[in-house]
Amino acid sequence: MNDVARLAGVSIKTVSRVVNDEPGVHPSTAERVLAAIDQLGFRRNLSARNLRRGSSTGTIGLVLEDVGNPFYSGVTRAVEEIARLRGRQVISGSSDEDPGRERELALEFCSRRVDGLLIVPAGLQHSYLVPEMRAGTPVVFLDRPAGDVVADTVLVDNIGGTIEAVTHLASHGHRRIAFLGDAPDIFTANERLRGYREGCVRAGIGYHEELVAMGPHDESSVRTTLQRLHTMREPATAIVAGNNRITVYVLRALAGVAERPALVGFDDFELADLLSPPVTVIAHDASALGKAATDLLFARLDGDNSPPRRVVLPVRLVPRGSGEVHA
């Protein structure tokens, strides 16, 4: 601001009035200040300005599992859209399923005095956020609940989704339905496994441990699992894939195989409807998840002091062909 004031031939106070749109500056003087700002490339430090005033920093923090995952890209886009309408910018980072990295990101965002936090938790210990929450920073957990704090949470119906997947496959005559899930210590993976078990019981086909393969998975582990399922005395005739990445690994492993098992994947994914056969999925709207969590965060910022809420969003079966193959 000193440089702008010298170039424009005015006081620092005059520069401050111009950049903060305050009255009392002659139009010609304001034009000289703005020209100096353009020439010098001056930008206001909004965070410092707002901190001095004790008001919003204009930012919210978003901690995701992996921003490269198309599902979380959809969540991020929804968060950004709502934040933009509310005059906020979004700072985001990926935890890579590392609780230490999650904590590092969340506390870094807090040190930057974000107005609120949205977190897809990687771990089960979140007491490190208690001081920030007590200081007035609202925190909303999405996709998974917090481990040891009571806070607003937005989830999808993981159990209901896999129950529906198993029920659908059983209705097409399948009795040997396998489940390939993510690491069992991940909330969504464990809930989807619970739904698979419940679906097997409801369908009257029984739960068989040998048909379950929990992760973490990569392309090689999925290929090995499918070979094992195929060579069993009673092979699996259908598969429920626990998330979009596992579904893609299954499709790659089955490429070129003449007789494929029926397949239902949890999470929709791009081009699923264009494959041969098109992939039947349990779909839930990533943007709806991001929107619900962000709306809840802004409700807290607007002064809502009601008890913490737990919102569960519905899922739906989208039959396209791969899940309608009869046993």
Protein backbone atom coordinates (compact mmCIF):
# COMPACT_ATOMS: atom_id res chain seq x y z
CA MET A 1 0.00 0.00 0.00
CA ASN A 2 2.97 2.33 0.59
CA ASP A 3 4.06 1.80 -3.02
CA VAL A 4 0.54 2.51 -4.32
CA ALA A 5 0.29 5.64 -2.19
CA ARG A 6 3.66 6.98 -3.45
CA LEU A 7 2.82 6.28 -7.09
CA ALA A 8 -0.64 7.87 -6.83
CA GLY A 9 0.58 10.79 -4.73
CA VAL A 10 -1.91 10.16 -1.91
CA SER A 11 -1.88 8.97 1.69
CA ILE A 12 -2.04 5.33 2.78
CA LYS A 13 -5.43 6.07 4.34
CA THR A 14 -6.74 7.18 0.95
CA VAL A 15 -5.50 3.95 -0.65
CA SER A 16 -7.23 1.99 2.14
CA ARG A 17 -10.51 3.82 1.51
CA VAL A 18 -10.35 3.05 -2.20
CA VAL A 19 -9.57 -0.64 -1.90
CA ASN A 20 -12.26 -1.08 0.78
CA ASP A 21 -14.88 0.91 -1.20
CA GLU A 22 -15.27 3.48 1.57
CA PRO A 23 -16.78 6.93 0.90
CA GLY A 24 -14.94 10.25 1.09
CA VAL A 25 -12.58 9.92 -1.88
CA HIS A 26 -12.88 12.23 -4.90
CA PRO A 27 -13.52 10.26 -8.13
CA SER A 28 -10.38 11.58 -9.85
CA THR A 29 -8.29 10.62 -6.83
CA ALA A 30 -9.84 7.15 -6.79
CA GLU A 31 -8.99 6.77 -10.49
CA ARG A 32 -5.30 7.60 -9.77
CA VAL A 33 -5.23 5.04 -6.96
CA LEU A 34 -6.85 2.35 -9.13
CA ALA A 35 -4.40 3.08 -11.95
CA ALA A 36 -1.49 2.69 -9.52
CA ILE A 37 -2.97 -0.57 -8.25
CA ASP A 38 -3.19 -1.91 -11.81
CA GLN A 39 0.34 -0.78 -12.61
CA LEU A 40 1.85 -2.36 -9.49
CA GLY A 41 -0.30 -5.49 -9.50
CA PHE A 42 -1.47 -4.80 -5.93
CA ARG A 43 -3.83 -7.37 -4.37
CA ARG A 44 -5.54 -7.15 -1.00
CA ASN A 45 -4.75 -9.82 1.58
CA LEU A 46 -8.37 -10.69 2.29
CA SER A 47 -7.53 -13.14 5.05
CA ALA A 48 -5.48 -10.59 6.96
CA ARG A 49 -8.14 -7.91 6.39
CA ASN A 50 -10.92 -10.11 7.66
CA LEU A 51 -8.91 -11.35 10.64
CA ARG A 52 -8.25 -7.77 11.70
CA ARG A 53 -11.97 -7.12 11.53
CA GLY A 54 -12.76 -10.36 13.34
CA SER A 55 -14.96 -11.58 10.50
CA SER A 56 -15.03 -14.39 7.93
CA THR A 57 -11.87 -15.33 6.04
CA GLY A 58 -14.05 -16.27 3.08
CA THR A 59 -12.80 -19.87 2.92
CA ILE A 60 -13.93 -23.36 3.87
CA GLY A 61 -11.69 -26.42 4.09
CA LEU A 62 -12.47 -29.74 2.40
CA VAL A 63 -10.55 -32.92 3.27
CA LEU A 64 -11.22 -35.80 0.86
CA GLU A 65 -9.97 -39.35 0.46
CA ASP A 66 -8.67 -38.77 -3.07
CA VAL A 67 -9.63 -35.82 -5.25
CA GLY A 68 -8.60 -37.93 -8.27
CA ASN A 69 -11.46 -40.37 -7.64
CA PRO A 70 -14.38 -39.37 -9.90
CA PHE A 71 -16.80 -39.79 -6.99
CA TYR A 72 -14.96 -37.25 -4.85
CA SER A 73 -14.54 -34.96 -7.83
CA GLY A 74 -18.34 -34.80 -7.97
CA VAL A 75 -18.48 -34.04 -4.25
CA THR A 76 -15.90 -31.26 -4.64
CA ARG A 77 -17.76 -29.67 -7.53
CA ALA A 78 -20.99 -29.50 -5.52
CA VAL A 79 -19.18 -27.99 -2.53
CA GLU A 80 -17.55 -25.36 -4.73
CA GLU A 81 -20.84 -24.38 -6.37
CA ILE A 82 -22.58 -23.70 -3.07
CA ALA A 83 -19.53 -22.01 -1.57
CA ARG A 84 -19.31 -19.68 -4.57
CA LEU A 85 -22.93 -18.66 -4.17
CA ARG A 86 -22.20 -17.87 -0.53
CA GLY A 87 -19.08 -15.84 -1.33
CA ARG A 88 -16.57 -18.45 -0.16
CA GLN A 89 -13.61 -20.17 -1.73
CA VAL A 90 -12.79 -23.85 -1.11
CA ILE A 91 -9.37 -25.12 -0.01
CA SER A 92 -9.11 -28.88 -0.48
CA GLY A 93 -6.66 -31.74 -0.02
CA SER A 94 -6.49 -35.55 -0.23
CA SER A 95 -5.82 -37.70 2.83
CA ASP A 96 -5.08 -40.87 0.79
CA GLU A 97 -6.80 -42.87 3.57
CA ASP A 98 -4.02 -41.82 5.96
CA PRO A 99 -5.37 -40.61 9.35
CA GLY A 100 -2.16 -38.68 9.97
CA ARG A 101 -2.51 -36.86 6.67
CA GLU A 102 -6.18 -36.14 7.42
CA ARG A 103 -5.22 -34.55 10.75
CA GLU A 104 -2.40 -32.58 9.13
CA LEU A 105 -4.71 -31.14 6.48
CA ALA A 106 -7.55 -30.35 8.88
CA LEU A 107 -5.29 -28.54 11.35
CA GLU A 108 -3.51 -26.70 8.54
CA PHE A 109 -6.86 -25.43 7.29
CA CYS A 110 -7.78 -24.42 10.84
CA SER A 111 -4.49 -22.53 11.17
CA ARG A 112 -5.54 -20.59 8.09
CA ARG A 113 -8.76 -19.76 9.95
CA VAL A 114 -11.20 -21.33 7.50
CA ASP A 115 -14.81 -20.53 8.33
CA GLY A 116 -15.72 -24.23 8.50
CA LEU A 117 -14.52 -27.74 7.69
CA LEU A 118 -15.92 -30.57 5.57
CA ILE A 119 -14.13 -33.87 6.18
CA VAL A 120 -14.27 -37.36 4.67
CA PRO A 121 -12.61 -39.07 7.65
CA ALA A 122 -9.74 -41.49 7.10
CA GLY A 123 -9.43 -42.50 10.75
CA LEU A 124 -11.49 -42.96 13.90
CA GLN A 125 -9.88 -40.37 16.17
CA HIS A 126 -11.06 -36.79 15.78
CA SER A 127 -10.68 -35.40 19.28
CA TYR A 128 -7.92 -33.21 17.83
CA LEU A 129 -10.76 -31.10 16.40
CA VAL A 130 -12.48 -30.49 19.74
CA PRO A 131 -10.56 -27.24 20.50
CA GLU A 132 -11.46 -25.88 17.06
CA MET A 133 -15.10 -26.89 17.42
CA ARG A 134 -15.30 -25.32 20.88
CA ALA A 135 -13.79 -22.15 19.43
CA GLY A 136 -16.72 -21.98 16.99
CA THR A 137 -15.43 -23.65 13.82
CA PRO A 138 -18.28 -25.83 12.46
CA VAL A 139 -17.27 -29.28 11.22
CA VAL A 140 -19.37 -31.60 9.03
CA PHE A 141 -18.29 -35.16 8.26
CA LEU A 142 -19.45 -36.68 5.00
CA ASP A 143 -19.48 -40.17 3.48
CA ARG A 144 -18.30 -41.56 6.84
CA PRO A 145 -18.95 -40.58 10.47
CA ALA A 146 -16.38 -39.26 12.92
CA GLY A 147 -14.85 -41.75 15.31
CA ASP A 148 -14.86 -40.12 18.73
CA VAL A 149 -16.63 -36.78 18.48
CA VAL A 150 -20.30 -35.94 18.05
CA ALA A 151 -20.74 -33.82 14.93
CA ASP A 152 -22.96 -33.29 11.90
CA THR A 153 -22.68 -36.21 9.48
CA VAL A 154 -24.01 -36.88 5.97
CA LEU A 155 -23.94 -40.48 4.72
CA VAL A 156 -25.44 -42.65 1.99
CA ASP A 157 -27.48 -45.79 2.62
CA ASN A 158 -24.60 -48.27 2.29
CA ILE A 159 -26.40 -51.17 3.97
CA GLY A 160 -29.60 -50.72 2.00
CA GLY A 161 -27.64 -50.50 -1.24
CA THR A 162 -25.90 -53.86 -0.93
CA ILE A 163 -29.08 -55.51 0.35
CA GLU A 164 -30.74 -54.35 -2.87
CA ALA A 165 -27.81 -55.57 -4.99
CA VAL A 166 -27.95 -59.09 -3.51
CA THR A 167 -31.75 -59.21 -3.69
CA HIS A 168 -31.62 -58.22 -7.35
CA LEU A 169 -29.07 -60.89 -8.25
CA ALA A 170 -30.93 -63.55 -6.27
CA SER A 171 -34.12 -62.68 -8.16
CA HIS A 172 -32.27 -63.72 -11.34
CA GLY A 173 -31.51 -67.15 -9.91
CA HIS A 174 -28.07 -66.59 -8.40
CA ARG A 175 -27.28 -68.53 -5.22
CA ARG A 176 -23.51 -68.10 -5.16
CA ILE A 177 -23.02 -64.34 -4.97
CA ALA A 178 -19.54 -63.03 -4.13
CA PHE A 179 -18.66 -59.70 -2.51
CA LEU A 180 -15.44 -57.79 -3.19
CA GLY A 181 -15.07 -54.92 -0.74
CA ASP A 182 -12.55 -52.34 0.33
CA ALA A 183 -10.53 -52.54 3.57
CA PRO A 184 -12.91 -53.58 6.38
CA ASP A 185 -11.71 -50.80 8.72
CA ILE A 186 -13.22 -48.25 6.30
CA PHE A 187 -16.73 -47.36 7.43
CA THR A 188 -18.35 -47.56 4.00
CA ALA A 189 -16.71 -50.92 3.23
CA ASN A 190 -17.84 -52.41 6.54
CA GLU A 191 -21.39 -51.11 6.13
CA ARG A 192 -21.62 -52.52 2.61
CA LEU A 193 -20.37 -55.88 3.87
CA ARG A 194 -23.11 -55.79 6.53
CA GLY A 195 -25.67 -55.10 3.82
CA TYR A 196 -24.33 -57.99 1.74
CA ARG A 197 -24.68 -60.37 4.70
CA GLU A 198 -28.19 -59.15 5.42
CA GLY A 199 -29.11 -59.46 1.74
CA CYS A 200 -27.91 -63.06 1.63
CA VAL A 201 -30.00 -63.93 4.68
CA ARG A 202 -33.08 -62.19 3.32
CA ALA A 203 -32.71 -63.94 -0.03
CA GLY A 204 -32.43 -67.33 1.70
CA ILE A 205 -29.09 -68.14 0.09
CA GLY A 206 -26.97 -68.06 3.24
CA TYR A 207 -23.76 -66.21 3.97
CA HIS A 208 -20.54 -67.98 2.92
CA GLU A 209 -17.21 -66.55 4.06
CA GLU A 210 -15.34 -68.02 1.09
CA LEU A 211 -17.33 -65.75 -1.23
CA VAL A 212 -16.08 -62.58 0.48
CA ALA A 213 -12.80 -60.83 -0.37
CA MET A 214 -12.11 -57.61 1.51
CA GLY A 215 -9.36 -55.22 0.49
CA PRO A 216 -7.58 -53.01 0.06
CA HIS A 217 -7.64 -54.16 -3.54
CA ASP A 218 -5.64 -53.45 -6.65
CA GLU A 219 -5.96 -54.86 -10.15
CA SER A 220 -3.75 -57.85 -9.34
CA SER A 221 -5.58 -58.84 -6.16
CA VAL A 222 -8.96 -58.62 -7.88
CA ARG A 223 -7.72 -60.81 -10.75
CA THR A 224 -6.44 -63.41 -8.28
CA THR A 225 -9.72 -63.32 -6.35
CA LEU A 226 -11.81 -63.83 -9.48
CA GLN A 227 -9.67 -66.82 -10.48
CA ARG A 228 -10.22 -68.33 -7.03
CA LEU A 229 -13.98 -67.73 -7.19
CA HIS A 230 -14.15 -69.29 -10.65
CA THR A 231 -12.24 -72.46 -9.74
CA MET A 232 -14.16 -73.25 -6.55
CA ARG A 233 -16.12 -76.50 -6.38
CA GLU A 234 -19.22 -74.32 -6.47
CA PRO A 235 -18.11 -71.23 -8.39
CA ALA A 236 -19.59 -67.80 -7.81
CA THR A 237 -22.08 -66.93 -10.54
CA ALA A 238 -22.50 -63.29 -9.56
CA ILE A 239 -20.42 -60.51 -7.99
CA VAL A 240 -21.20 -57.42 -5.95
CA ALA A 241 -18.31 -54.95 -6.24
CA GLY A 242 -17.97 -52.70 -3.20
CA ASN A 243 -17.04 -49.45 -4.94
CA ASN A 244 -16.40 -47.92 -8.35
CA ARG A 245 -12.68 -48.71 -8.43
CA ILE A 246 -13.21 -52.36 -7.56
CA THR A 247 -15.87 -52.55 -10.28
CA VAL A 248 -13.35 -51.25 -12.83
CA TYR A 249 -10.75 -53.78 -11.65
CA VAL A 250 -13.34 -56.56 -12.06
CA LEU A 251 -14.18 -55.41 -15.58
CA ARG A 252 -10.51 -55.37 -16.56
CA ALA A 253 -9.98 -58.86 -15.17
CA LEU A 254 -13.02 -60.15 -17.06
CA ALA A 255 -12.07 -58.55 -20.39
CA GLY A 256 -12.19 -61.21 -23.09
CA VAL A 257 -13.81 -63.81 -20.84
CA ALA A 258 -16.64 -65.51 -22.69
CA GLU A 259 -18.82 -66.54 -19.76
CA ARG A 260 -18.86 -63.75 -17.24
CA PRO A 261 -20.52 -63.75 -13.84
CA ALA A 262 -23.34 -61.30 -13.30
CA LEU A 263 -22.10 -58.02 -11.84
CA VAL A 264 -23.56 -55.21 -9.75
CA GLY A 265 -21.22 -52.39 -8.72
CA PHE A 266 -21.67 -49.97 -5.84
CA ASP A 267 -21.18 -46.39 -7.15
CA ASP A 268 -21.94 -45.37 -10.70
CA PHE A 269 -19.06 -44.35 -12.93
CA GLU A 270 -18.52 -42.64 -16.26
CA LEU A 271 -19.20 -44.78 -19.37
CA ALA A 272 -20.72 -47.61 -17.30
CA ASP A 273 -23.80 -47.44 -19.53
CA LEU A 274 -21.72 -47.74 -22.72
CA LEU A 275 -19.83 -50.94 -21.92
CA SER A 276 -20.85 -54.36 -23.22
CA PRO A 277 -22.83 -55.35 -21.35
CA PRO A 278 -23.67 -52.06 -19.65
CA VAL A 279 -22.92 -52.22 -15.93
CA THR A 280 -25.72 -52.45 -13.40
CA VAL A 281 -24.91 -50.25 -10.40
CA ILE A 282 -26.12 -49.07 -7.03
CA ALA A 283 -26.07 -45.34 -7.70
CA HIS A 284 -25.98 -42.43 -5.34
CA ASP A 285 -25.51 -38.82 -6.23
CA ALA A 286 -22.05 -37.50 -5.28
CA SER A 287 -23.24 -33.95 -5.85
CA ALA A 288 -26.19 -34.52 -3.51
CA LEU A 289 -23.76 -35.68 -0.82
CA GLY A 290 -21.60 -32.60 -1.29
CA LYS A 291 -24.61 -30.31 -1.38
CA ALA A 292 -26.23 -31.74 1.75
CA ALA A 293 -22.99 -31.47 3.72
CA THR A 294 -22.27 -27.92 2.53
CA ASP A 295 -25.84 -26.77 3.22
CA LEU A 296 -25.49 -28.12 6.74
CA LEU A 297 -22.16 -26.35 7.20
CA PHE A 298 -23.61 -23.01 6.11
CA ALA A 299 -26.63 -23.52 8.35
CA ARG A 300 -24.19 -23.70 11.27
CA LEU A 301 -22.35 -20.62 10.00
CA ASP A 302 -25.70 -18.82 9.85
CA GLY A 303 -26.27 -19.53 13.54
CA ASP A 304 -28.09 -22.88 13.69
CA ASN A 305 -27.26 -24.24 17.16
CA SER A 306 -29.52 -27.31 17.08
CA PRO A 307 -28.07 -30.71 18.13
CA PRO A 308 -25.77 -32.47 15.63
CA ARG A 309 -27.62 -34.12 12.76
CA ARG A 310 -27.11 -37.41 10.96
CA VAL A 311 -28.44 -37.34 7.39
CA VAL A 312 -28.63 -40.56 5.34
CA LEU A 313 -29.17 -40.13 1.60
CA PRO A 314 -30.95 -42.81 -0.45
CA VAL A 315 -29.40 -44.99 -3.15
CA ARG A 316 -31.04 -46.62 -6.16
CA LEU A 317 -30.48 -49.68 -8.31
CA VAL A 318 -29.83 -48.89 -11.97
CA PRO A 319 -30.32 -52.09 -14.02
CA ARG A 320 -28.40 -51.97 -17.29
CA GLY A 321 -27.53 -55.53 -18.24
CA SER A 322 -24.57 -56.92 -16.31
CA GLY A 323 -26.71 -57.58 -13.24
CA GLU A 324 -29.55 -59.15 -15.16
CA VAL A 325 -27.60 -62.20 -16.42
CA HIS A 326 -29.43 -65.29 -15.22
CA ALA A 327 -27.65 -68.06 -13.34
